[in-house]
Amino acid sequence: MSGLLALLDDVAAIAKVAAASVDDIATAAAKAGSKTAAVLIDDAAVTPAYVTGLRASRELPMIWRITLGSLKNKLLYLLPAALLLNSYAPWLITPLLMFGGAYLCFEGAEKILHSVFPHASSDVEQDMTPRDPTRLEAARVAGAIKTDFILSAEIMTIALSVIPDTALWMEAATLALVAVGITAVVYGTVAMIVKMDDIGLHLATTAHLPATRAFGRGLVVFMPHLLAILSTVGTAAMLWVGGNIILHGVEELGWGWPYAQVHHLAEAVAQAIGRLHGAVTWFVTAFCAAVLGLGLGLLLIPVVTKVLGPLIAMISGAEQKPH
């Protein structure tokens, strides 16, 4: 009997340790998730553009495929890579993040350039767009997952930076919890946004109360404007996040002058205005990062389109040739 009691006492002690570990993981995950809020907004703003213009019945399946791709990005690729780099090559994390930030700058700058100065390459891109709805959907999903990879890398790196140094399994569990929670929040929000016009149409045609039908009609009218705003915000977010990654990256690599100048300018503007200090500082910093991102992206456009573009096309063509 005494042996059984001792065993039960040991089990209770282990359970207490496990409960404390779970609580520590949840606390660390919540703290890490709060630090990535800005990137979450960017992710939620970018994604709806990938599912607009297709059949309404395909919107939720596309979002589900993007969600699965995002989880795969975070759990299968980025989580192990982040843990390995943090343990064996932490000096590589910043350059890799800067590479991803440069890619976001390129994408944002390219969208702005093609909308302001349409030219022949835009027509070529439209001609190259798959006319088959199935292929178009696959291309859209692949593009969304590719963009998600960059934003997810930033999210996972930020999360890892605020997690205290603990056992490897606790860091992995915390990052996994952050990955699943953030993905659910982002793509759950995206699903609500893209289906809101269908909800409005349903209310406008089936609701019994006149006020409810009017609300539904208002949703139908408002949602295209909201999607257009989100598309603009998504493009700006690419530039802001990309520029911000570059600013922090060069500071981490030892050249702190660019970030210091942006910080001093933001503080000076906030003090001059005298109100909403935190909001003004954030806005000025984000604006400067976006300007930097736009400039870098414009410089990268000829490099990517003239050098990398043909190389990627050649590789893709080789993969599509029948064997």
Protein backbone atom coordinates (compact mmCIF):
# COMPACT_ATOMS: atom_id res chain seq x y z
CA MET A 1 0.00 0.00 0.00
CA SER A 2 2.81 2.41 0.85
CA GLY A 3 4.37 1.74 -2.58
CA LEU A 4 1.10 2.55 -4.31
CA LEU A 5 0.73 5.79 -2.35
CA ALA A 6 4.29 6.78 -3.26
CA LEU A 7 3.57 6.05 -6.92
CA LEU A 8 0.40 8.18 -6.80
CA ASP A 9 2.37 10.96 -5.13
CA ASP A 10 4.96 10.83 -7.94
CA VAL A 11 2.21 10.91 -10.57
CA ALA A 12 0.64 13.94 -8.88
CA ALA A 13 4.02 15.71 -8.82
CA ILE A 14 4.56 14.96 -12.53
CA ALA A 15 1.05 16.24 -13.31
CA LYS A 16 1.79 19.48 -11.46
CA VAL A 17 5.01 19.95 -13.44
CA ALA A 18 3.17 19.22 -16.70
CA ALA A 19 0.40 21.67 -15.83
CA ALA A 20 2.97 24.35 -15.00
CA SER A 21 4.74 23.67 -18.30
CA VAL A 22 1.48 23.97 -20.23
CA ASP A 23 0.73 27.23 -18.45
CA ASP A 24 4.22 28.54 -19.27
CA ILE A 25 3.77 27.57 -22.92
CA ALA A 26 0.38 29.28 -23.13
CA THR A 27 1.74 32.44 -21.47
CA ALA A 28 4.76 32.58 -23.76
CA ALA A 29 2.55 31.93 -26.82
CA ALA A 30 0.18 34.75 -25.86
CA LYS A 31 3.09 37.16 -25.39
CA ALA A 32 4.68 36.12 -28.67
CA GLY A 33 1.38 36.41 -30.51
CA SER A 34 0.82 39.95 -29.27
CA LYS A 35 4.23 40.99 -30.62
CA THR A 36 3.26 39.84 -34.12
CA ALA A 37 0.00 41.82 -34.27
CA ALA A 38 1.23 44.21 -36.96
CA VAL A 39 2.26 41.38 -39.29
CA LEU A 40 -1.10 39.67 -38.67
CA ILE A 41 -2.90 42.75 -39.96
CA ASP A 42 -0.71 42.73 -43.05
CA ASP A 43 -1.38 39.03 -43.65
CA ALA A 44 -5.14 39.50 -43.30
CA ALA A 45 -5.08 42.50 -45.64
CA VAL A 46 -3.03 40.81 -48.38
CA THR A 47 -4.89 37.50 -48.67
CA PRO A 48 -8.42 38.55 -49.83
CA ALA A 49 -6.98 39.85 -53.11
CA TYR A 50 -6.05 36.28 -54.06
CA VAL A 51 -9.65 35.00 -53.95
CA THR A 52 -11.49 37.93 -55.53
CA GLY A 53 -12.73 37.66 -59.10
CA LEU A 54 -13.46 33.91 -58.88
CA ARG A 55 -16.70 32.04 -58.31
CA ALA A 56 -18.18 32.59 -54.86
CA SER A 57 -18.47 28.83 -54.36
CA ARG A 58 -14.67 28.50 -54.65
CA GLU A 59 -13.76 31.22 -52.12
CA LEU A 60 -13.91 29.12 -48.94
CA PRO A 61 -12.21 26.07 -50.51
CA MET A 62 -9.41 28.36 -51.70
CA ILE A 63 -9.04 29.91 -48.25
CA TRP A 64 -8.94 26.43 -46.73
CA ARG A 65 -6.16 25.40 -49.14
CA ILE A 66 -4.24 28.58 -48.30
CA THR A 67 -4.77 27.90 -44.59
CA LEU A 68 -3.35 24.39 -44.93
CA GLY A 69 -0.44 25.81 -46.93
CA SER A 70 0.19 28.38 -44.21
CA LEU A 71 0.20 25.72 -41.50
CA LYS A 72 2.57 23.65 -43.61
CA ASN A 73 4.83 26.69 -44.02
CA LYS A 74 4.91 27.33 -40.30
CA LEU A 75 4.96 23.82 -38.81
CA LEU A 76 6.89 21.75 -41.34
CA TYR A 77 9.40 24.29 -42.65
CA LEU A 78 9.73 27.42 -40.55
CA LEU A 79 9.43 25.95 -37.05
CA PRO A 80 12.24 23.38 -37.45
CA ALA A 81 14.33 25.87 -39.43
CA ALA A 82 13.89 28.55 -36.75
CA LEU A 83 14.89 26.17 -33.96
CA LEU A 84 17.90 24.86 -35.89
CA LEU A 85 19.09 28.32 -36.88
CA ASN A 86 18.58 29.63 -33.35
CA SER A 87 20.65 26.76 -31.97
CA TYR A 88 23.43 26.41 -34.55
CA ALA A 89 23.52 29.45 -36.86
CA PRO A 90 21.72 32.41 -35.28
CA TRP A 91 23.76 34.80 -37.44
CA LEU A 92 21.87 33.54 -40.53
CA ILE A 93 18.41 34.53 -39.29
CA THR A 94 18.76 38.27 -39.99
CA PRO A 95 20.10 37.94 -43.58
CA LEU A 96 17.36 35.44 -44.44
CA LEU A 97 14.71 37.75 -43.02
CA MET A 98 16.14 40.64 -45.02
CA PHE A 99 15.95 38.53 -48.18
CA GLY A 100 12.26 37.91 -47.46
CA GLY A 101 11.73 41.59 -46.72
CA ALA A 102 13.31 42.52 -50.05
CA TYR A 103 10.93 40.15 -51.80
CA LEU A 104 7.93 41.85 -50.16
CA CYS A 105 9.30 45.24 -51.26
CA PHE A 106 9.59 43.96 -54.83
CA GLU A 107 6.01 42.63 -54.87
CA GLY A 108 4.55 45.84 -53.43
CA ALA A 109 6.54 48.10 -55.75
CA GLU A 110 5.60 45.99 -58.79
CA LYS A 111 1.88 46.26 -57.97
CA ILE A 112 2.14 50.05 -57.65
CA LEU A 113 4.21 50.43 -60.81
CA HIS A 114 1.79 48.38 -62.90
CA SER A 115 -1.25 50.23 -61.55
CA VAL A 116 0.21 53.70 -62.08
CA PHE A 117 2.10 53.05 -65.33
CA PRO A 118 0.43 50.21 -67.24
CA HIS A 119 2.73 49.00 -69.98
CA ALA A 120 3.34 46.12 -72.28
CA SER A 121 4.59 43.78 -69.59
CA SER A 122 1.22 44.08 -67.86
CA ASP A 123 -0.48 42.91 -71.06
CA VAL A 124 1.97 40.03 -71.31
CA GLU A 125 1.25 39.04 -67.72
CA GLN A 126 -2.49 39.12 -68.43
CA ASP A 127 -1.97 36.93 -71.51
CA MET A 128 0.06 34.49 -69.40
CA THR A 129 -2.69 34.30 -66.74
CA PRO A 130 -4.32 30.85 -66.96
CA ARG A 131 -7.77 31.07 -68.58
CA ASP A 132 -8.79 27.71 -67.14
CA PRO A 133 -10.55 28.45 -63.79
CA THR A 134 -8.93 25.42 -62.18
CA ARG A 135 -5.43 26.49 -63.21
CA LEU A 136 -6.16 30.09 -62.23
CA GLU A 137 -7.30 28.96 -58.79
CA ALA A 138 -4.18 26.84 -58.36
CA ALA A 139 -1.99 29.77 -59.42
CA ARG A 140 -3.76 32.10 -56.98
CA VAL A 141 -3.42 29.64 -54.11
CA ALA A 142 0.26 29.08 -54.89
CA GLY A 143 0.86 32.86 -54.97
CA ALA A 144 -0.93 33.35 -51.64
CA ILE A 145 1.06 30.55 -49.99
CA LYS A 146 4.31 32.00 -51.36
CA THR A 147 3.53 35.43 -49.89
CA ASP A 148 2.36 33.79 -46.66
CA PHE A 149 5.74 32.08 -46.35
CA ILE A 150 7.53 35.43 -46.08
CA LEU A 151 5.04 36.85 -43.59
CA SER A 152 5.02 33.59 -41.61
CA ALA A 153 8.81 33.65 -41.43
CA GLU A 154 8.62 37.12 -39.90
CA ILE A 155 5.91 35.98 -37.47
CA MET A 156 7.85 32.91 -36.34
CA THR A 157 11.09 34.84 -35.96
CA ILE A 158 9.42 37.56 -33.88
CA ALA A 159 7.76 34.89 -31.75
CA LEU A 160 11.06 33.08 -31.23
CA SER A 161 12.78 36.32 -30.21
CA VAL A 162 10.38 36.92 -27.29
CA ILE A 163 10.26 33.32 -26.04
CA PRO A 164 12.58 32.90 -23.03
CA ASP A 165 15.45 30.45 -23.39
CA THR A 166 14.03 27.16 -22.16
CA ALA A 167 14.12 23.51 -23.13
CA LEU A 168 13.99 22.88 -26.85
CA TRP A 169 10.68 21.02 -26.64
CA MET A 170 9.04 23.96 -24.81
CA GLU A 171 10.26 26.41 -27.46
CA ALA A 172 8.92 24.09 -30.16
CA ALA A 173 5.56 23.69 -28.40
CA THR A 174 5.24 27.45 -27.93
CA LEU A 175 6.04 28.16 -31.58
CA ALA A 176 3.58 25.47 -32.69
CA LEU A 177 0.84 27.02 -30.53
CA VAL A 178 1.61 30.46 -31.94
CA ALA A 179 1.56 29.08 -35.50
CA VAL A 180 -1.81 27.35 -35.15
CA GLY A 181 -3.45 30.20 -33.25
CA ILE A 182 -2.25 32.93 -35.59
CA THR A 183 -3.21 30.96 -38.69
CA ALA A 184 -6.71 30.35 -37.33
CA VAL A 185 -7.20 34.03 -36.49
CA VAL A 186 -5.86 35.36 -39.81
CA TYR A 187 -7.65 33.02 -42.18
CA GLY A 188 -10.81 32.92 -40.11
CA THR A 189 -10.94 36.70 -40.48
CA VAL A 190 -10.21 36.44 -44.21
CA ALA A 191 -13.03 33.91 -44.65
CA MET A 192 -15.47 36.26 -42.92
CA ILE A 193 -14.38 39.20 -45.09
CA VAL A 194 -14.70 37.43 -48.44
CA LYS A 195 -18.09 35.86 -47.59
CA MET A 196 -19.64 38.99 -46.15
CA ASP A 197 -21.20 39.98 -49.49
CA ASP A 198 -22.88 36.56 -49.74
CA ILE A 199 -24.22 37.02 -46.22
CA GLY A 200 -25.51 40.44 -47.23
CA LEU A 201 -27.20 39.01 -50.32
CA HIS A 202 -28.83 36.30 -48.21
CA LEU A 203 -30.15 38.87 -45.74
CA ALA A 204 -31.36 41.19 -48.53
CA THR A 205 -33.39 38.43 -50.20
CA THR A 206 -34.64 36.28 -47.30
CA ALA A 207 -34.82 38.45 -44.16
CA HIS A 208 -38.29 39.26 -42.85
CA LEU A 209 -37.58 42.67 -41.31
CA PRO A 210 -37.12 45.67 -43.65
CA ALA A 211 -34.21 46.92 -41.55
CA THR A 212 -32.43 43.57 -41.89
CA ARG A 213 -32.96 43.53 -45.65
CA ALA A 214 -31.62 47.09 -45.87
CA PHE A 215 -28.59 46.06 -43.83
CA GLY A 216 -28.01 43.17 -46.23
CA ARG A 217 -28.21 45.47 -49.25
CA GLY A 218 -25.76 47.81 -47.55
CA LEU A 219 -23.30 44.94 -47.08
CA VAL A 220 -23.56 43.99 -50.75
CA VAL A 221 -22.83 47.58 -51.80
CA PHE A 222 -20.08 48.13 -49.24
CA MET A 223 -18.04 44.92 -49.60
CA PRO A 224 -16.50 45.66 -53.04
CA HIS A 225 -15.25 48.98 -51.64
CA LEU A 226 -13.88 47.20 -48.56
CA LEU A 227 -12.06 44.64 -50.72
CA ALA A 228 -10.56 47.46 -52.81
CA ILE A 229 -9.40 49.17 -49.61
CA LEU A 230 -7.92 45.92 -48.32
CA SER A 231 -6.08 45.43 -51.62
CA THR A 232 -4.53 48.88 -51.23
CA VAL A 233 -3.74 48.25 -47.58
CA GLY A 234 -2.20 44.90 -48.51
CA THR A 235 0.13 46.52 -51.04
CA ALA A 236 1.11 49.21 -48.53
CA ALA A 237 1.61 46.51 -45.91
CA MET A 238 4.06 44.65 -48.14
CA LEU A 239 6.14 47.81 -48.47
CA TRP A 240 5.89 48.70 -44.79
CA VAL A 241 6.72 45.23 -43.48
CA GLY A 242 9.47 44.73 -46.06
CA GLY A 243 11.04 48.12 -45.36
CA ASN A 244 10.76 47.56 -41.62
CA ILE A 245 12.53 44.20 -41.92
CA ILE A 246 15.34 45.86 -43.88
CA LEU A 247 15.67 48.70 -41.36
CA HIS A 248 15.88 46.35 -38.38
CA GLY A 249 18.10 43.97 -40.34
CA VAL A 250 20.79 46.50 -41.15
CA GLU A 251 20.66 47.65 -37.53
CA GLU A 252 21.18 44.04 -36.35
CA LEU A 253 24.12 43.75 -38.77
CA GLY A 254 25.81 46.77 -37.20
CA TRP A 255 24.64 49.75 -39.27
CA GLY A 256 22.19 51.50 -37.01
CA TRP A 257 22.21 54.92 -38.71
CA PRO A 258 19.13 54.41 -40.98
CA TYR A 259 16.90 53.16 -38.18
CA ALA A 260 18.19 55.84 -35.79
CA GLN A 261 17.30 58.58 -38.29
CA VAL A 262 13.80 57.19 -38.76
CA HIS A 263 13.36 56.93 -35.00
CA HIS A 264 14.57 60.51 -34.42
CA LEU A 265 12.26 61.82 -37.16
CA ALA A 266 9.28 59.97 -35.69
CA GLU A 267 10.00 61.33 -32.21
CA ALA A 268 10.44 64.87 -33.54
CA VAL A 269 7.13 64.78 -35.44
CA ALA A 270 5.32 63.29 -32.43
CA GLN A 271 6.69 66.01 -30.12
CA ALA A 272 5.80 68.73 -32.62
CA ILE A 273 2.20 67.53 -32.83
CA GLY A 274 1.99 67.05 -29.08
CA ARG A 275 -0.88 64.55 -29.14
CA LEU A 276 -1.25 60.83 -29.66
CA HIS A 277 2.49 60.38 -29.29
CA GLY A 278 2.48 56.61 -29.74
CA ALA A 279 0.18 56.65 -32.79
CA VAL A 280 2.12 59.45 -34.49
CA THR A 281 5.45 57.74 -33.84
CA TRP A 282 4.14 54.49 -35.29
CA PHE A 283 2.68 56.20 -38.36
CA VAL A 284 5.86 58.14 -39.18
CA THR A 285 8.01 55.04 -38.68
CA ALA A 286 5.68 52.96 -40.87
CA PHE A 287 5.61 55.68 -43.54
CA CYS A 288 9.40 55.90 -43.66
CA ALA A 289 9.70 52.11 -43.81
CA ALA A 290 7.17 52.03 -46.68
CA VAL A 291 9.08 54.72 -48.60
CA LEU A 292 12.29 52.75 -48.11
CA GLY A 293 10.48 49.57 -49.20
CA LEU A 294 9.11 51.26 -52.31
CA GLY A 295 12.53 52.58 -53.29
CA LEU A 296 14.18 49.21 -52.77
CA GLY A 297 11.38 47.43 -54.59
CA LEU A 298 11.67 49.72 -57.62
CA LEU A 299 15.41 49.02 -57.75
CA LEU A 300 14.76 45.28 -57.58
CA ILE A 301 12.13 45.20 -60.36
CA PRO A 302 14.61 45.24 -63.28
CA VAL A 303 16.84 42.73 -61.49
CA VAL A 304 13.99 40.29 -60.89
CA THR A 305 12.22 40.74 -64.23
CA LYS A 306 15.34 40.77 -66.42
CA VAL A 307 17.49 38.25 -64.57
CA LEU A 308 15.44 36.05 -62.25
CA GLY A 309 12.24 36.12 -64.32
CA PRO A 310 13.67 34.39 -67.41
CA LEU A 311 15.51 31.90 -65.17
CA ILE A 312 12.30 30.97 -63.33
CA ALA A 313 10.41 30.73 -66.64
CA MET A 314 13.10 28.45 -68.04
CA ILE A 315 12.98 26.17 -65.00
CA SER A 316 9.16 26.09 -65.06
CA GLY A 317 9.17 25.28 -68.79
CA ALA A 318 11.62 22.45 -68.25
CA GLU A 319 9.43 20.99 -65.50
CA GLN A 320 6.33 21.12 -67.70
CA LYS A 321 7.90 19.35 -70.70
CA PRO A 322 6.69 15.79 -71.13
CA HIS A 323 9.29 13.17 -70.30
